[in-house]
Every structure is written in structure tokens, then in C-alpha cells.
């Protein structure tokens, strides 16, 4: 008898927010979901051009892809193509970079080759 009371009393209290068999007034309130803002890659590049391209000669013909959700973690990714110059100022041609964007900031950039998903992206001028 005591066990039956203990078991039934143990089930009292708040249920999780997804329980459909419990009245709404007894459910835990789930945290509100804030919508993620798609980053403006063009503005990020314009504002951080000196940090992104570390050369004395400004890049030419800078183009960006649309941002995509990062498949391997949080945040976003985008591809950037530009005609860049080396440290000596001589052109080294068109380079393609993969950007990691988290919380509206460029976190990481990688120089990518022809096997990257960036090869199939559509680019827009900055």
C-alpha cells in the first residue's frame, strides 16, 4: 500500500514541455526560440577587408556566395573569390576562400582548391 502511494505521488509535479497527455498549465514552459539571422557576408567583408585580405595591395573583383548553414557545427559558411596580390605586390591570381561565420563575425577562413563545394557556388560582386 505504501509503495503504491509512493509511486503515484512520485509522478506528481511538472511534466516536460512536450508531454501531450498533461494539461498545458502543468507543463514546463519551453524556452522561446530566437530566429537565426542570416549573416550579410558582403557587409562583413566590406567592414573587415583589411583583416581578411592581409596584403598591401587591395583585392580586385571580390565576389561572395550566399551563406549556408554550417553542416559540421554551429554558424554559417560562405565562399569568397577575389583576384589577390602576394606580399611582393605581384598578382597571384584568383583565390577562393571558405569562411566560417559565427554570431555575425568571421571566425575562420581557409584557402580551398577545386575539390571544395565552393566550385559549384554562384557568386555576386561585393
N, C-alpha and C. Protein backbone atom coordinates (compact mmCIF):
# COMPACT_ATOMS: atom_id res chain seq x y z
N UNK A 1 0.83 -1.19 0.00
CA UNK A 1 0.00 0.00 0.00
C UNK A 1 0.88 1.26 0.00
N UNK A 2 1.89 1.24 0.88
CA UNK A 2 2.79 2.39 0.95
C UNK A 2 3.55 2.57 -0.36
N UNK A 3 3.93 1.46 -0.98
CA UNK A 3 4.64 1.54 -2.27
C UNK A 3 3.74 2.15 -3.34
N UNK A 4 2.49 1.79 -3.38
CA UNK A 4 1.56 2.31 -4.38
C UNK A 4 1.39 3.81 -4.22
N UNK A 5 1.33 4.29 -2.99
CA UNK A 5 1.20 5.73 -2.75
C UNK A 5 2.48 6.45 -3.17
N UNK A 6 3.63 5.87 -2.85
CA UNK A 6 4.91 6.49 -3.20
C UNK A 6 5.08 6.58 -4.71
N UNK A 7 4.71 5.53 -5.42
CA UNK A 7 4.84 5.52 -6.87
C UNK A 7 3.90 6.53 -7.50
N UNK A 8 2.67 6.59 -7.06
CA UNK A 8 1.72 7.53 -7.65
C UNK A 8 2.05 8.97 -7.27
N UNK A 9 2.57 9.21 -6.09
CA UNK A 9 2.94 10.56 -5.67
C UNK A 9 4.22 11.01 -6.39
N UNK A 10 5.07 10.07 -6.74
CA UNK A 10 6.31 10.41 -7.43
C UNK A 10 6.06 10.95 -8.83
N UNK A 11 4.92 10.64 -9.40
CA UNK A 11 4.59 11.13 -10.73
C UNK A 11 3.99 12.51 -10.73
N UNK A 12 3.72 13.07 -9.56
CA UNK A 12 3.14 14.40 -9.48
C UNK A 12 4.20 15.46 -9.78
N UNK A 13 3.76 16.60 -10.14
CA UNK A 13 4.68 17.69 -10.43
C UNK A 13 4.58 18.09 -11.88
N UNK A 14 5.54 18.85 -12.32
CA UNK A 14 5.53 19.34 -13.70
C UNK A 14 6.04 18.27 -14.66
N UNK A 15 5.42 18.22 -15.80
CA UNK A 15 5.86 17.32 -16.87
C UNK A 15 6.69 18.13 -17.87
N UNK A 16 7.39 17.43 -18.73
CA UNK A 16 8.19 18.18 -19.70
C UNK A 16 7.27 18.92 -20.68
N UNK A 17 7.83 19.87 -21.40
CA UNK A 17 7.04 20.76 -22.24
C UNK A 17 6.43 20.06 -23.45
N UNK A 18 6.91 18.87 -23.80
CA UNK A 18 6.40 18.17 -24.97
C UNK A 18 5.38 17.08 -24.63
N UNK A 19 5.07 16.90 -23.36
CA UNK A 19 4.12 15.86 -22.95
C UNK A 19 2.72 16.28 -23.38
N UNK A 20 2.08 15.47 -24.21
CA UNK A 20 0.75 15.82 -24.71
C UNK A 20 -0.37 15.32 -23.82
N UNK A 21 -0.07 14.44 -22.90
CA UNK A 21 -1.11 13.88 -22.04
C UNK A 21 -1.32 14.71 -20.77
N UNK A 22 -0.56 15.76 -20.58
CA UNK A 22 -0.65 16.59 -19.38
C UNK A 22 -1.25 17.93 -19.77
N UNK A 23 -2.15 18.48 -18.95
CA UNK A 23 -2.70 19.80 -19.27
C UNK A 23 -1.59 20.85 -19.41
N UNK A 24 -1.82 21.81 -20.27
CA UNK A 24 -0.81 22.82 -20.56
C UNK A 24 -0.36 23.58 -19.31
N UNK A 25 -1.25 23.77 -18.35
CA UNK A 25 -0.89 24.52 -17.15
C UNK A 25 0.13 23.78 -16.28
N UNK A 26 0.27 22.47 -16.45
CA UNK A 26 1.22 21.69 -15.64
C UNK A 26 2.53 21.41 -16.38
N UNK A 27 2.65 21.85 -17.60
CA UNK A 27 3.88 21.60 -18.36
C UNK A 27 4.93 22.66 -18.07
N UNK A 28 6.19 22.26 -18.15
CA UNK A 28 7.27 23.24 -18.08
C UNK A 28 7.19 24.11 -19.32
N UNK A 29 7.49 25.36 -19.15
CA UNK A 29 7.50 26.27 -20.30
C UNK A 29 8.82 26.10 -21.05
N UNK A 30 8.73 25.88 -22.34
CA UNK A 30 9.96 25.74 -23.13
C UNK A 30 10.53 27.13 -23.41
N UNK A 31 11.83 27.18 -23.58
CA UNK A 31 12.50 28.45 -23.85
C UNK A 31 12.07 28.96 -25.22
N UNK A 32 11.86 30.26 -25.35
CA UNK A 32 11.47 30.78 -26.66
C UNK A 32 12.61 30.63 -27.66
N UNK A 33 12.26 30.28 -28.86
CA UNK A 33 13.25 30.08 -29.92
C UNK A 33 13.46 31.41 -30.62
N UNK A 34 14.71 31.86 -30.63
CA UNK A 34 15.02 33.09 -31.34
C UNK A 34 15.44 32.74 -32.77
N UNK A 35 14.86 33.41 -33.73
CA UNK A 35 15.22 33.10 -35.12
C UNK A 35 16.66 33.52 -35.41
N UNK A 36 17.35 32.68 -36.16
CA UNK A 36 18.72 32.99 -36.54
C UNK A 36 18.72 33.99 -37.68
N UNK A 37 19.59 34.95 -37.58
CA UNK A 37 19.71 35.97 -38.61
C UNK A 37 20.75 35.51 -39.62
N UNK A 38 20.37 35.53 -40.89
CA UNK A 38 21.32 35.16 -41.94
C UNK A 38 22.35 36.27 -42.05
N UNK A 39 23.64 35.94 -41.96
CA UNK A 39 24.67 36.98 -41.98
C UNK A 39 24.77 37.68 -43.33
N UNK A 40 25.06 38.96 -43.29
CA UNK A 40 25.30 39.75 -44.50
C UNK A 40 26.79 39.66 -44.83
N UNK A 41 27.14 38.72 -45.68
CA UNK A 41 28.54 38.44 -45.98
C UNK A 41 29.19 39.64 -46.67
N UNK A 42 28.46 40.31 -47.54
CA UNK A 42 29.02 41.47 -48.23
C UNK A 42 29.42 42.55 -47.23
N UNK A 43 28.55 42.84 -46.27
CA UNK A 43 28.86 43.86 -45.26
C UNK A 43 30.03 43.42 -44.38
N UNK A 44 30.08 42.13 -44.03
CA UNK A 44 31.20 41.64 -43.21
C UNK A 44 32.53 41.83 -43.94
N UNK A 45 32.55 41.55 -45.23
CA UNK A 45 33.79 41.72 -46.00
C UNK A 45 34.16 43.20 -46.16
N UNK A 46 33.15 44.04 -46.40
CA UNK A 46 33.44 45.47 -46.53
C UNK A 46 34.00 46.03 -45.22
N UNK A 47 33.42 45.62 -44.09
CA UNK A 47 33.85 46.14 -42.78
C UNK A 47 35.18 45.56 -42.33
N UNK A 48 35.53 44.35 -42.77
CA UNK A 48 36.74 43.67 -42.31
C UNK A 48 37.71 43.38 -43.45
N UNK A 49 37.69 44.19 -44.47
CA UNK A 49 38.52 43.93 -45.65
C UNK A 49 40.01 43.88 -45.30
N UNK A 50 40.46 44.76 -44.43
CA UNK A 50 41.87 44.79 -44.05
C UNK A 50 42.29 43.57 -43.25
N UNK A 51 41.38 42.99 -42.51
CA UNK A 51 41.70 41.79 -41.73
C UNK A 51 41.62 40.54 -42.58
N UNK A 52 40.72 40.54 -43.53
CA UNK A 52 40.53 39.34 -44.33
C UNK A 52 41.63 39.18 -45.37
N UNK A 53 41.93 40.25 -46.09
CA UNK A 53 43.00 40.21 -47.10
C UNK A 53 44.21 40.93 -46.51
N UNK A 54 45.19 40.17 -46.09
CA UNK A 54 46.36 40.74 -45.41
C UNK A 54 47.48 41.06 -46.40
N UNK A 55 47.18 41.89 -47.36
CA UNK A 55 48.21 42.31 -48.31
C UNK A 55 48.19 43.83 -48.42
N UNK A 56 49.26 44.37 -48.95
CA UNK A 56 49.34 45.82 -49.14
C UNK A 56 48.50 46.27 -50.32
N UNK A 57 48.29 45.38 -51.26
CA UNK A 57 47.51 45.70 -52.45
C UNK A 57 46.08 45.22 -52.25
N UNK A 58 45.10 46.11 -52.39
CA UNK A 58 43.71 45.67 -52.17
C UNK A 58 43.29 44.64 -53.22
N UNK A 59 42.43 43.71 -52.84
CA UNK A 59 41.97 42.68 -53.78
C UNK A 59 41.07 43.30 -54.85
N UNK A 60 41.01 42.66 -55.97
CA UNK A 60 40.17 43.11 -57.08
C UNK A 60 39.09 42.07 -57.34
N UNK A 61 37.97 42.53 -57.88
CA UNK A 61 36.89 41.64 -58.31
C UNK A 61 36.48 40.67 -57.19
N UNK A 62 36.17 41.20 -56.02
CA UNK A 62 35.76 40.37 -54.87
C UNK A 62 34.31 39.95 -55.07
N UNK A 63 34.06 38.65 -54.94
CA UNK A 63 32.72 38.08 -55.12
C UNK A 63 32.43 37.12 -53.96
N UNK A 64 31.17 37.03 -53.57
CA UNK A 64 30.78 36.16 -52.45
C UNK A 64 29.60 35.28 -52.86
N UNK A 65 29.51 34.13 -52.20
CA UNK A 65 28.35 33.25 -52.38
C UNK A 65 27.34 33.55 -51.28
N UNK A 66 26.17 33.00 -51.41
CA UNK A 66 25.18 33.12 -50.35
C UNK A 66 25.64 32.31 -49.14
N UNK A 67 25.34 32.77 -47.94
CA UNK A 67 25.72 31.99 -46.75
C UNK A 67 24.87 30.72 -46.64
N UNK A 68 25.49 29.68 -46.12
CA UNK A 68 24.80 28.39 -45.91
C UNK A 68 25.04 27.95 -44.47
N UNK A 69 24.09 27.21 -43.93
CA UNK A 69 24.26 26.66 -42.58
C UNK A 69 25.48 25.75 -42.58
N UNK A 70 26.28 25.85 -41.54
CA UNK A 70 27.47 25.01 -41.41
C UNK A 70 27.02 23.58 -41.10
N UNK A 71 27.32 22.65 -41.97
CA UNK A 71 26.89 21.26 -41.79
C UNK A 71 27.66 20.55 -40.69
N UNK A 72 28.84 21.05 -40.35
CA UNK A 72 29.66 20.35 -39.35
C UNK A 72 29.70 21.05 -38.00
N UNK A 73 28.85 22.03 -37.78
CA UNK A 73 28.85 22.71 -36.49
C UNK A 73 27.93 23.91 -36.51
N UNK A 74 28.07 24.78 -35.50
CA UNK A 74 27.20 25.95 -35.44
C UNK A 74 27.64 27.03 -36.43
N UNK A 75 26.74 27.93 -36.71
CA UNK A 75 27.09 29.08 -37.54
C UNK A 75 26.82 28.86 -39.02
N UNK A 76 27.50 29.64 -39.82
CA UNK A 76 27.29 29.69 -41.26
C UNK A 76 28.62 29.57 -41.99
N UNK A 77 28.55 29.24 -43.27
CA UNK A 77 29.72 29.26 -44.13
C UNK A 77 29.37 30.03 -45.40
N UNK A 78 30.39 30.61 -46.01
CA UNK A 78 30.23 31.30 -47.29
C UNK A 78 31.55 31.20 -48.04
N UNK A 79 31.49 31.31 -49.34
CA UNK A 79 32.69 31.26 -50.16
C UNK A 79 32.98 32.66 -50.72
N UNK A 80 34.27 32.98 -50.82
CA UNK A 80 34.71 34.28 -51.33
C UNK A 80 35.75 34.03 -52.42
N UNK A 81 35.61 34.73 -53.53
CA UNK A 81 36.60 34.68 -54.61
C UNK A 81 37.09 36.09 -54.86
N UNK A 82 38.38 36.21 -55.06
CA UNK A 82 38.96 37.53 -55.35
C UNK A 82 40.28 37.36 -56.08
N UNK A 83 40.62 38.35 -56.87
CA UNK A 83 41.93 38.40 -57.50
C UNK A 83 42.84 39.12 -56.53
N UNK A 84 43.83 38.41 -56.02
CA UNK A 84 44.68 38.96 -54.96
C UNK A 84 46.13 39.03 -55.41
N UNK A 85 46.86 39.87 -54.69
CA UNK A 85 48.30 40.02 -54.94
C UNK A 85 49.05 39.45 -53.74
N UNK A 86 50.24 38.98 -54.00
CA UNK A 86 51.08 38.44 -52.93
C UNK A 86 51.75 39.55 -52.14
N UNK A 87 52.63 39.17 -51.25
CA UNK A 87 53.33 40.12 -50.39
C UNK A 87 54.18 41.08 -51.21
N UNK A 88 54.71 40.62 -52.32
CA UNK A 88 55.55 41.47 -53.16
C UNK A 88 54.74 42.43 -54.03
N UNK A 89 53.42 42.25 -54.06
CA UNK A 89 52.57 43.11 -54.87
C UNK A 89 52.23 42.53 -56.22
N UNK A 90 52.84 41.40 -56.59
CA UNK A 90 52.54 40.75 -57.86
C UNK A 90 51.27 39.92 -57.73
N UNK A 91 50.50 39.89 -58.77
CA UNK A 91 49.24 39.14 -58.76
C UNK A 91 49.51 37.64 -58.64
N UNK A 92 48.75 36.99 -57.77
CA UNK A 92 48.85 35.53 -57.67
C UNK A 92 47.58 34.87 -58.20
N UNK A 93 46.72 35.67 -58.82
CA UNK A 93 45.54 35.14 -59.47
C UNK A 93 44.31 35.12 -58.58
N UNK A 94 43.30 34.43 -59.07
CA UNK A 94 42.05 34.33 -58.34
C UNK A 94 42.17 33.26 -57.26
N UNK A 95 41.83 33.63 -56.05
CA UNK A 95 41.87 32.73 -54.91
C UNK A 95 40.45 32.55 -54.37
N UNK A 96 40.15 31.36 -53.89
CA UNK A 96 38.84 31.06 -53.31
C UNK A 96 39.02 30.68 -51.85
N UNK A 97 38.22 31.28 -51.00
CA UNK A 97 38.29 31.05 -49.56
C UNK A 97 36.94 30.57 -49.05
N UNK A 98 36.97 29.70 -48.05
CA UNK A 98 35.77 29.26 -47.35
C UNK A 98 35.77 29.96 -46.00
N UNK A 99 34.72 30.73 -45.73
CA UNK A 99 34.61 31.47 -44.47
C UNK A 99 33.71 30.73 -43.50
N UNK A 100 34.06 30.77 -42.23
CA UNK A 100 33.18 30.33 -41.16
C UNK A 100 32.68 31.58 -40.46
N UNK A 101 31.38 31.71 -40.33
CA UNK A 101 30.77 32.89 -39.73
C UNK A 101 29.96 32.44 -38.53
N UNK A 102 30.25 33.02 -37.38
CA UNK A 102 29.54 32.67 -36.15
C UNK A 102 29.20 33.95 -35.40
N UNK A 103 27.95 34.11 -35.04
CA UNK A 103 27.47 35.30 -34.32
C UNK A 103 27.83 36.59 -35.06
N UNK A 104 27.70 36.58 -36.36
CA UNK A 104 27.94 37.78 -37.14
C UNK A 104 29.39 38.18 -37.31
N UNK A 105 30.32 37.27 -37.03
CA UNK A 105 31.75 37.56 -37.15
C UNK A 105 32.44 36.46 -37.95
N UNK A 106 33.44 36.86 -38.73
CA UNK A 106 34.23 35.88 -39.47
C UNK A 106 35.16 35.20 -38.49
N UNK A 107 34.99 33.89 -38.33
CA UNK A 107 35.80 33.17 -37.36
C UNK A 107 37.03 32.53 -37.97
N UNK A 108 36.88 31.98 -39.15
CA UNK A 108 37.97 31.23 -39.76
C UNK A 108 37.86 31.38 -41.27
N UNK A 109 38.98 31.36 -41.93
CA UNK A 109 38.97 31.36 -43.39
C UNK A 109 40.00 30.35 -43.87
N UNK A 110 39.63 29.63 -44.91
CA UNK A 110 40.52 28.61 -45.46
C UNK A 110 40.64 28.81 -46.96
N UNK A 111 41.85 28.73 -47.46
CA UNK A 111 42.08 28.73 -48.89
C UNK A 111 41.68 27.34 -49.39
N UNK A 112 40.80 27.27 -50.39
CA UNK A 112 40.30 25.98 -50.85
C UNK A 112 40.74 25.73 -52.29
N UNK A 113 40.68 24.46 -52.67
CA UNK A 113 41.08 24.07 -54.03
C UNK A 113 39.85 23.68 -54.84
N UNK A 114 40.07 23.08 -55.99
CA UNK A 114 39.00 22.73 -56.90
C UNK A 114 38.06 21.65 -56.42
N UNK A 115 38.43 20.91 -55.38
CA UNK A 115 37.55 19.85 -54.87
C UNK A 115 36.58 20.37 -53.82
N UNK A 116 36.63 21.64 -53.52
CA UNK A 116 35.77 22.24 -52.50
C UNK A 116 34.35 22.44 -53.03
N UNK A 117 33.36 22.47 -52.14
CA UNK A 117 31.99 22.81 -52.58
C UNK A 117 31.88 24.23 -53.14
N UNK A 118 32.88 25.06 -52.89
CA UNK A 118 32.86 26.44 -53.39
C UNK A 118 32.90 26.49 -54.92
N UNK A 119 33.35 25.43 -55.57
CA UNK A 119 33.45 25.44 -57.03
C UNK A 119 32.08 25.48 -57.69
N UNK A 120 31.06 24.96 -57.01
CA UNK A 120 29.72 24.93 -57.61
C UNK A 120 28.82 26.07 -57.13
N UNK A 121 29.36 27.00 -56.36
CA UNK A 121 28.56 28.12 -55.84
C UNK A 121 28.36 29.19 -56.91
N UNK A 122 27.31 29.98 -56.72
CA UNK A 122 27.06 31.15 -57.55
C UNK A 122 27.54 32.37 -56.77
N UNK A 123 28.28 33.25 -57.41
CA UNK A 123 28.90 34.39 -56.74
C UNK A 123 28.28 35.70 -57.18
N UNK A 124 28.24 36.65 -56.23
CA UNK A 124 27.77 38.01 -56.50
C UNK A 124 28.88 38.98 -56.14
N UNK A 125 29.03 40.07 -56.89
CA UNK A 125 30.07 41.05 -56.54
C UNK A 125 29.76 41.75 -55.22
N UNK A 126 30.83 42.13 -54.52
CA UNK A 126 30.66 42.83 -53.24
C UNK A 126 30.41 44.29 -53.53
